[in-house]
Protein backbone atom coordinates (compact mmCIF):
# COMPACT_ATOMS: atom_id res chain seq x y z
CA UNK A 1 36.19 24.39 68.15
CA UNK A 2 34.69 21.63 66.05
CA UNK A 3 37.24 19.42 64.26
CA UNK A 4 36.82 20.07 60.55
CA UNK A 5 37.33 16.98 58.40
CA UNK A 6 37.43 19.04 55.21
CA UNK A 7 40.59 20.79 56.36
CA UNK A 8 42.23 17.42 56.89
CA UNK A 9 41.23 16.40 53.36
CA UNK A 10 42.82 19.59 51.94
CA UNK A 11 46.23 18.41 53.15
CA UNK A 12 46.10 16.15 50.06
CA UNK A 13 46.52 18.09 46.78
CA UNK A 14 43.55 17.87 44.45
CA UNK A 15 40.41 19.57 43.30
CA UNK A 16 38.72 22.28 45.32
CA UNK A 17 34.93 22.02 45.39
CA UNK A 18 33.28 25.44 45.32
CA UNK A 19 29.72 26.67 45.70
CA UNK A 20 28.74 29.97 44.14
CA UNK A 21 26.16 32.26 45.78
CA UNK A 22 24.96 35.00 43.46
CA UNK A 23 24.89 34.48 39.69
CA UNK A 24 24.82 38.13 38.68
CA UNK A 25 27.41 39.97 36.63
CA UNK A 26 30.42 39.15 38.83
CA UNK A 27 29.14 35.68 39.63
CA UNK A 28 28.80 34.92 35.91
CA UNK A 29 32.37 36.05 35.38
CA UNK A 30 33.48 33.74 38.19
CA UNK A 31 31.85 30.82 36.35
CA UNK A 32 33.58 31.68 33.09
CA UNK A 33 36.95 32.13 34.79
CA UNK A 34 36.66 28.81 36.61
CA UNK A 35 35.79 26.97 33.42
CA UNK A 36 38.55 28.60 31.35
CA UNK A 37 41.40 29.28 33.78
CA UNK A 38 41.01 27.24 36.97
CA UNK A 39 41.05 23.51 36.24
CA UNK A 40 41.59 22.80 39.95
CA UNK A 41 38.28 24.37 41.00
CA UNK A 42 35.08 22.37 40.52
CA UNK A 43 31.77 24.24 40.82
CA UNK A 44 29.48 21.89 42.70
CA UNK A 45 26.57 24.25 43.50
CA UNK A 46 25.08 27.54 42.32
CA UNK A 47 22.56 29.54 44.35
CA UNK A 48 20.52 32.60 43.43
CA UNK A 49 17.11 33.86 44.55
CA UNK A 50 16.10 35.52 41.26
CA UNK A 51 13.03 33.66 39.91
CA UNK A 52 14.26 33.93 36.31
CA UNK A 53 17.42 31.98 37.24
CA UNK A 54 16.21 29.34 39.68
CA UNK A 55 15.76 25.92 38.12
CA UNK A 56 17.79 26.75 35.01
CA UNK A 57 21.14 25.29 34.03
CA UNK A 58 24.03 27.44 35.19
CA UNK A 59 25.49 27.53 31.71
CA UNK A 60 22.29 29.03 30.33
CA UNK A 61 22.08 31.60 33.14
CA UNK A 62 25.61 32.92 32.55
CA UNK A 63 25.17 33.00 28.77
CA UNK A 64 27.25 30.00 27.71
CA UNK A 65 26.45 28.05 24.57
CA UNK A 66 26.49 24.76 26.44
CA UNK A 67 24.85 23.42 29.58
CA UNK A 68 26.98 22.61 32.59
CA UNK A 69 24.71 20.05 34.19
CA UNK A 70 24.41 22.22 37.31
CA UNK A 71 21.01 23.67 38.21
CA UNK A 72 20.72 27.04 39.94
CA UNK A 73 19.02 26.55 43.31
CA UNK A 74 17.35 29.02 45.67
CA UNK A 75 17.85 27.23 48.99
CA UNK A 76 21.40 27.79 50.19
CA UNK A 77 21.23 25.49 53.19
CA UNK A 78 19.98 22.55 51.13
CA UNK A 79 22.53 23.23 48.37
CA UNK A 80 25.41 23.20 50.82
CA UNK A 81 24.20 19.98 52.52
CA UNK A 82 23.93 18.24 49.15
CA UNK A 83 27.18 19.52 47.58
CA UNK A 84 29.51 19.69 50.64
CA UNK A 85 31.81 22.36 49.13
CA UNK A 86 35.27 23.22 50.44
CA UNK A 87 34.65 26.92 49.87
CA UNK A 88 31.61 29.13 49.31
CA UNK A 89 32.04 32.14 47.00
CA UNK A 90 29.53 34.91 47.74
CA UNK A 91 29.05 37.61 45.10
CA UNK A 92 25.74 39.16 46.03
CA UNK A 93 26.08 42.56 47.74
CA UNK A 94 28.49 45.29 48.83
CA UNK A 95 26.83 45.66 52.24
CA UNK A 96 27.64 43.49 55.25
CA UNK A 97 24.04 43.52 56.47
CA UNK A 98 22.83 42.09 53.18
CA UNK A 99 25.22 39.10 53.20
CA UNK A 100 25.44 38.41 56.92
CA UNK A 101 22.87 35.61 57.06
CA UNK A 102 24.36 34.03 53.95
CA UNK A 103 27.82 34.08 55.51
CA UNK A 104 26.57 32.52 58.75
CA UNK A 105 24.77 29.75 56.83
CA UNK A 106 27.91 28.97 54.83
CA UNK A 107 30.07 28.97 57.97
CA UNK A 108 27.57 26.69 59.71
CA UNK A 109 27.91 24.18 56.91
CA UNK A 110 31.63 23.84 57.65
CA UNK A 111 32.86 25.56 54.49
CA UNK A 112 35.42 28.34 54.18
CA UNK A 113 33.88 31.52 52.77
CA UNK A 114 35.23 34.22 50.47
CA UNK A 115 33.10 37.15 49.36
CA UNK A 116 33.28 40.20 47.12
CA UNK A 117 31.27 42.14 49.74
CA UNK A 118 33.28 45.38 50.12
CA UNK A 119 32.26 46.01 53.72
CA UNK A 120 33.44 42.49 54.68
CA UNK A 121 36.99 43.53 53.77
CA UNK A 122 37.14 45.31 57.13
CA UNK A 123 33.76 44.81 58.82
CA UNK A 124 34.69 46.07 62.30
CA UNK A 125 34.15 49.70 61.23
CA UNK A 126 30.67 48.87 59.89
CA UNK A 127 29.14 46.61 62.55
CA UNK A 128 31.54 45.45 65.31
CA UNK A 129 28.91 43.17 66.86
CA UNK A 130 28.19 41.39 63.59
CA UNK A 131 31.92 41.04 62.90
CA UNK A 132 32.52 39.55 66.35
CA UNK A 133 29.62 37.11 65.91
CA UNK A 134 30.94 36.05 62.49
CA UNK A 135 34.45 35.60 63.86
CA UNK A 136 33.19 33.49 66.77
CA UNK A 137 31.07 31.34 64.47
CA UNK A 138 33.98 30.77 62.06
CA UNK A 139 36.38 29.84 64.87
CA UNK A 140 33.85 27.42 66.35
CA UNK A 141 33.31 25.80 62.97
CA UNK A 142 37.03 25.70 62.22
CA UNK A 143 36.71 27.71 58.97
CA UNK A 144 37.95 31.01 57.58
CA UNK A 145 35.92 33.97 56.27
CA UNK A 146 37.46 36.61 54.02
CA UNK A 147 36.34 39.68 52.12
CA UNK A 148 38.38 40.02 48.94
CA UNK A 149 38.39 41.76 45.58
CA UNK A 150 40.20 44.39 43.57
CA UNK A 151 39.19 47.41 45.65
CA UNK A 152 39.08 46.95 48.55
CA UNK A 153 41.26 43.89 48.79
CA UNK A 154 44.20 44.74 46.55
CA UNK A 155 44.75 47.98 44.65
CA UNK A 156 44.41 50.52 47.47
CA UNK A 157 45.45 48.43 50.45
CA UNK A 158 47.24 45.11 49.91
CA UNK A 159 49.40 46.25 46.98
CA UNK A 160 50.61 49.53 48.57
CA UNK A 161 51.31 47.60 51.79
CA UNK A 162 53.55 45.24 49.82
CA UNK A 163 55.28 48.19 48.13
CA UNK A 164 56.46 49.35 51.58
CA UNK A 165 58.43 46.11 52.12
CA UNK A 166 61.84 47.69 51.23
CA UNK A 167 61.21 50.75 53.43
CA UNK A 168 62.87 51.02 56.84
CA UNK A 169 60.28 53.62 57.75
CA UNK A 170 57.05 54.95 56.17
CA UNK A 171 55.82 58.49 56.81
CA UNK A 172 52.91 58.57 54.41
CA UNK A 173 51.22 56.83 51.48
CA UNK A 174 49.15 58.25 48.62
CA UNK A 175 47.22 56.00 46.26
CA UNK A 176 45.35 57.29 43.24
CA UNK A 177 43.15 55.07 41.12
CA UNK A 178 41.79 56.48 37.86
CA UNK A 179 39.27 54.19 36.16
CA UNK A 180 37.96 54.55 32.61
CA UNK A 181 34.36 53.64 33.31
CA UNK A 182 33.56 53.22 29.63
CA UNK A 183 35.17 49.79 29.93
CA UNK A 184 32.93 48.75 32.80
CA UNK A 185 29.44 47.26 32.96
CA UNK A 186 26.30 49.31 32.39
CA UNK A 187 25.23 49.28 36.07
CA UNK A 188 28.59 50.78 37.04
CA UNK A 189 28.28 53.57 34.46
CA UNK A 190 24.77 54.36 35.69
CA UNK A 191 25.89 54.20 39.31
CA UNK A 192 28.47 56.97 38.78
CA UNK A 193 25.97 59.25 37.08
CA UNK A 194 27.48 59.19 33.59
CA UNK A 195 25.34 61.33 31.24
CA UNK A 196 23.54 63.26 33.97
CA UNK A 197 23.48 67.06 34.25
CA UNK A 198 25.26 68.47 37.31
CA UNK A 199 21.87 69.25 38.83
CA UNK A 200 20.58 65.72 38.26
CA UNK A 201 23.80 64.44 39.81
CA UNK A 202 23.36 66.51 42.96
CA UNK A 203 19.76 65.30 43.28
CA UNK A 204 20.88 61.69 42.81
CA UNK A 205 23.50 62.07 45.56
CA UNK A 206 20.97 63.66 47.94
CA UNK A 207 18.46 60.84 47.37
CA UNK A 208 21.08 58.09 47.66
CA UNK A 209 20.84 56.98 44.05
CA UNK A 210 24.51 57.81 43.72
CA UNK A 211 26.62 56.88 46.74
CA UNK A 212 30.23 57.01 47.77
CA UNK A 213 32.48 54.16 46.72
CA UNK A 214 31.84 51.30 49.12
CA UNK A 215 35.19 50.17 50.47
CA UNK A 216 37.36 53.29 50.57
CA UNK A 217 37.40 53.38 54.38
CA UNK A 218 37.98 49.64 54.50
CA UNK A 219 41.08 50.08 52.31
CA UNK A 220 42.42 52.84 54.58
CA UNK A 221 42.03 50.74 57.73
CA UNK A 222 43.51 47.68 56.04
CA UNK A 223 46.55 49.66 54.96
CA UNK A 224 46.98 51.26 58.37
CA UNK A 225 46.77 47.83 60.01
CA UNK A 226 49.35 46.41 57.62
CA UNK A 227 51.70 49.29 58.52
CA UNK A 228 51.12 48.93 62.25
CA UNK A 229 49.62 52.43 62.49
CA UNK A 230 46.97 53.56 64.98
CA UNK A 231 44.34 55.61 63.15
CA UNK A 232 43.45 58.86 64.92
CA UNK A 233 40.98 60.31 62.44
CA UNK A 234 39.52 59.58 59.05
CA UNK A 235 37.83 62.05 56.70
CA UNK A 236 36.04 61.08 53.50
CA UNK A 237 35.04 63.78 51.04
CA UNK A 238 31.55 64.02 49.59
CA UNK A 239 31.16 62.49 46.14
CA UNK A 240 32.11 65.05 43.51
CA UNK A 241 31.14 64.94 39.80
CA UNK A 242 33.78 64.80 37.06
CA UNK A 243 32.48 67.04 34.27
CA UNK A 244 33.11 65.93 30.70
CA UNK A 245 35.26 68.31 28.63
CA UNK A 246 34.48 66.42 25.45
CA UNK A 247 31.70 64.19 24.20
CA UNK A 248 31.99 60.49 25.06
CA UNK A 249 29.78 57.66 23.81
CA UNK A 250 29.91 54.19 25.37
CA UNK A 251 27.87 51.08 24.65
CA UNK A 252 25.37 52.27 27.27
CA UNK A 253 25.41 56.04 27.68
CA UNK A 254 26.11 59.25 25.72
CA UNK A 255 27.87 62.00 27.63
CA UNK A 256 27.89 65.49 26.13
CA UNK A 257 30.41 68.18 27.10
CA UNK A 258 29.38 69.85 30.34
CA UNK A 259 27.53 66.78 31.62
CA UNK A 260 28.72 64.38 34.29
CA UNK A 261 31.24 61.78 33.17
CA UNK A 262 31.66 60.14 36.56
CA UNK A 263 32.79 60.65 40.14
CA UNK A 264 35.75 61.67 42.25
CA UNK A 265 36.23 60.94 45.92
CA UNK A 266 39.08 61.38 48.40
CA UNK A 267 39.90 60.05 51.86
CA UNK A 268 42.54 60.98 54.40
CA UNK A 269 43.46 58.86 57.41
CA UNK A 270 45.60 60.54 60.07
CA UNK A 271 47.77 58.38 62.29
CA UNK A 272 49.99 59.07 65.26
CA UNK A 273 53.37 60.63 64.57
CA UNK A 274 51.98 62.81 61.79
CA UNK A 275 51.70 59.87 59.39
CA UNK A 276 48.84 59.75 56.96
CA UNK A 277 47.19 57.80 54.15
CA UNK A 278 45.59 59.61 51.21
CA UNK A 279 43.30 57.68 48.86
CA UNK A 280 41.99 59.26 45.65
CA UNK A 281 39.47 57.50 43.43
CA UNK A 282 38.26 58.77 40.08
CA UNK A 283 35.92 56.76 37.92
CA UNK A 284 34.54 58.37 34.76
CA UNK A 285 33.90 57.54 31.14
CA UNK A 286 36.59 58.73 28.78
CA UNK A 287 39.43 58.84 31.32
CA UNK A 288 42.54 59.20 29.16
CA UNK A 289 45.22 58.60 31.79
CA UNK A 290 43.79 55.46 33.35
CA UNK A 291 46.20 54.35 36.04
CA UNK A 292 46.92 53.06 39.53
CA UNK A 293 49.59 55.23 41.16
CA UNK A 294 51.37 54.68 44.46
CA UNK A 295 53.59 57.18 46.31
CA UNK A 296 55.31 55.98 49.48
CA UNK A 297 57.01 58.69 51.50
CA UNK A 298 59.63 56.83 53.44
CA UNK A 299 63.19 55.57 53.50
CA UNK A 300 63.69 54.82 50.70
CA UNK A 301 60.80 56.49 48.89
CA UNK A 302 58.79 54.39 46.43
CA UNK A 303 56.82 55.68 43.45
CA UNK A 304 55.10 53.16 41.19
CA UNK A 305 52.47 53.52 38.46
CA UNK A 306 50.48 50.86 36.61
CA UNK A 307 49.23 51.97 33.18
CA UNK A 308 46.58 51.29 32.22
CA UNK A 309 44.98 50.64 35.60
CA UNK A 310 43.91 47.11 36.47
CA UNK A 311 40.41 46.37 35.13
CA UNK A 312 38.08 46.17 38.06
CA UNK A 313 35.59 43.41 37.23
CA UNK A 314 38.05 40.77 36.07
CA UNK A 315 40.50 42.00 38.73
CA UNK A 316 37.92 41.22 41.38
CA UNK A 317 37.26 37.76 39.97
CA UNK A 318 40.99 36.98 39.81
CA UNK A 319 41.66 38.32 43.31
CA UNK A 320 38.93 36.15 44.78
CA UNK A 321 39.77 32.93 42.98
CA UNK A 322 43.55 33.26 43.49
CA UNK A 323 43.04 33.76 47.24
CA UNK A 324 41.15 30.49 47.68
CA UNK A 325 44.15 28.14 48.16
CA UNK A 326 45.64 30.46 50.76
CA UNK A 327 42.28 30.84 52.50
CA UNK A 328 41.84 27.07 52.77
CA UNK A 329 45.09 26.80 54.70
CA UNK A 330 44.60 29.90 56.87
CA UNK A 331 43.70 30.08 60.54
CA UNK A 332 40.06 29.82 61.44
CA UNK A 333 38.11 33.02 62.02
CA UNK A 334 37.15 36.26 60.29
CA UNK A 335 40.24 37.38 58.38
CA UNK A 336 41.38 40.29 56.22
CA UNK A 337 43.72 40.24 53.27
CA UNK A 338 46.50 41.79 55.34
CA UNK A 339 46.29 38.83 57.73
CA UNK A 340 47.73 36.77 54.87
CA UNK A 341 50.91 38.85 54.35
CA UNK A 342 53.86 39.89 56.56
CA UNK A 343 52.83 42.85 58.74
CA UNK A 344 54.65 45.42 60.88
CA UNK A 345 53.88 45.41 64.59
CA UNK A 346 52.00 48.37 66.07
CA UNK A 347 54.29 51.36 66.34
């Protein structure tokens, strides 16, 4: 392993220099959050390949009224050499294959890496070879790589794992997340088919325009690992439409009664000993009982509900930024969020 001088420097409290890769919707929110809520993070580089963003001031790109004196670049390797960040924040894609080269470049620069890529939350079930290569590269460079966010990364894996702390035994866990999509960004509302007819929805699913939630399986495996369970089988339901019972109008779509308001998806993971994890995700415009609900069947049982549910976009931004100090002090390698909390041994 290469001795990493940046990690030695972090032993002294002070500012954390961060580079941002991806100045889209979530990346823009990261910029705003850093400026308003994180005085100990200094953005030293911003990278995006979109021609309409490259060469412009970061403040202009994210819609601020003032310039930040930081130009958006399109060459990641050069940006990292020039800025020498402690951590690289990657907010570009949900798919591991799309971010893999970016992650390797960041690791090769000697920076820790944290990403909102859902598949990176538990990449071994997506591409074991790529995960192993990334882990080896991170260990050699003496840095950490982590997939983080609201879901996966917290609501349906890390938080229910923490809720089992007072339990002497756990026999099963059910997590239900109901999201009022009318509070989310336009791309999200379009992605769940809001406003479509049921027929249009089926066609969109068949053509891949509407896909299952990326990260549900990652959450199940993360939770099982935190509990020390050995998964035996996992079954994810097809994406089902939630049909509107009343008219709903958002800033972006109009949904009439009988049309699609959003999606519902379920997952069941079976473990040895008859133990199981059930995850239920509903995201639709006009959801009246927006919540995150957790049922732990164990000794003692635990039943907790958060109303309204945690907002996804800002929740993702907060989850990522708040993990950075812990990540900088973590062991080198490809990590998951449950590596950073107390875990039960395999049982």
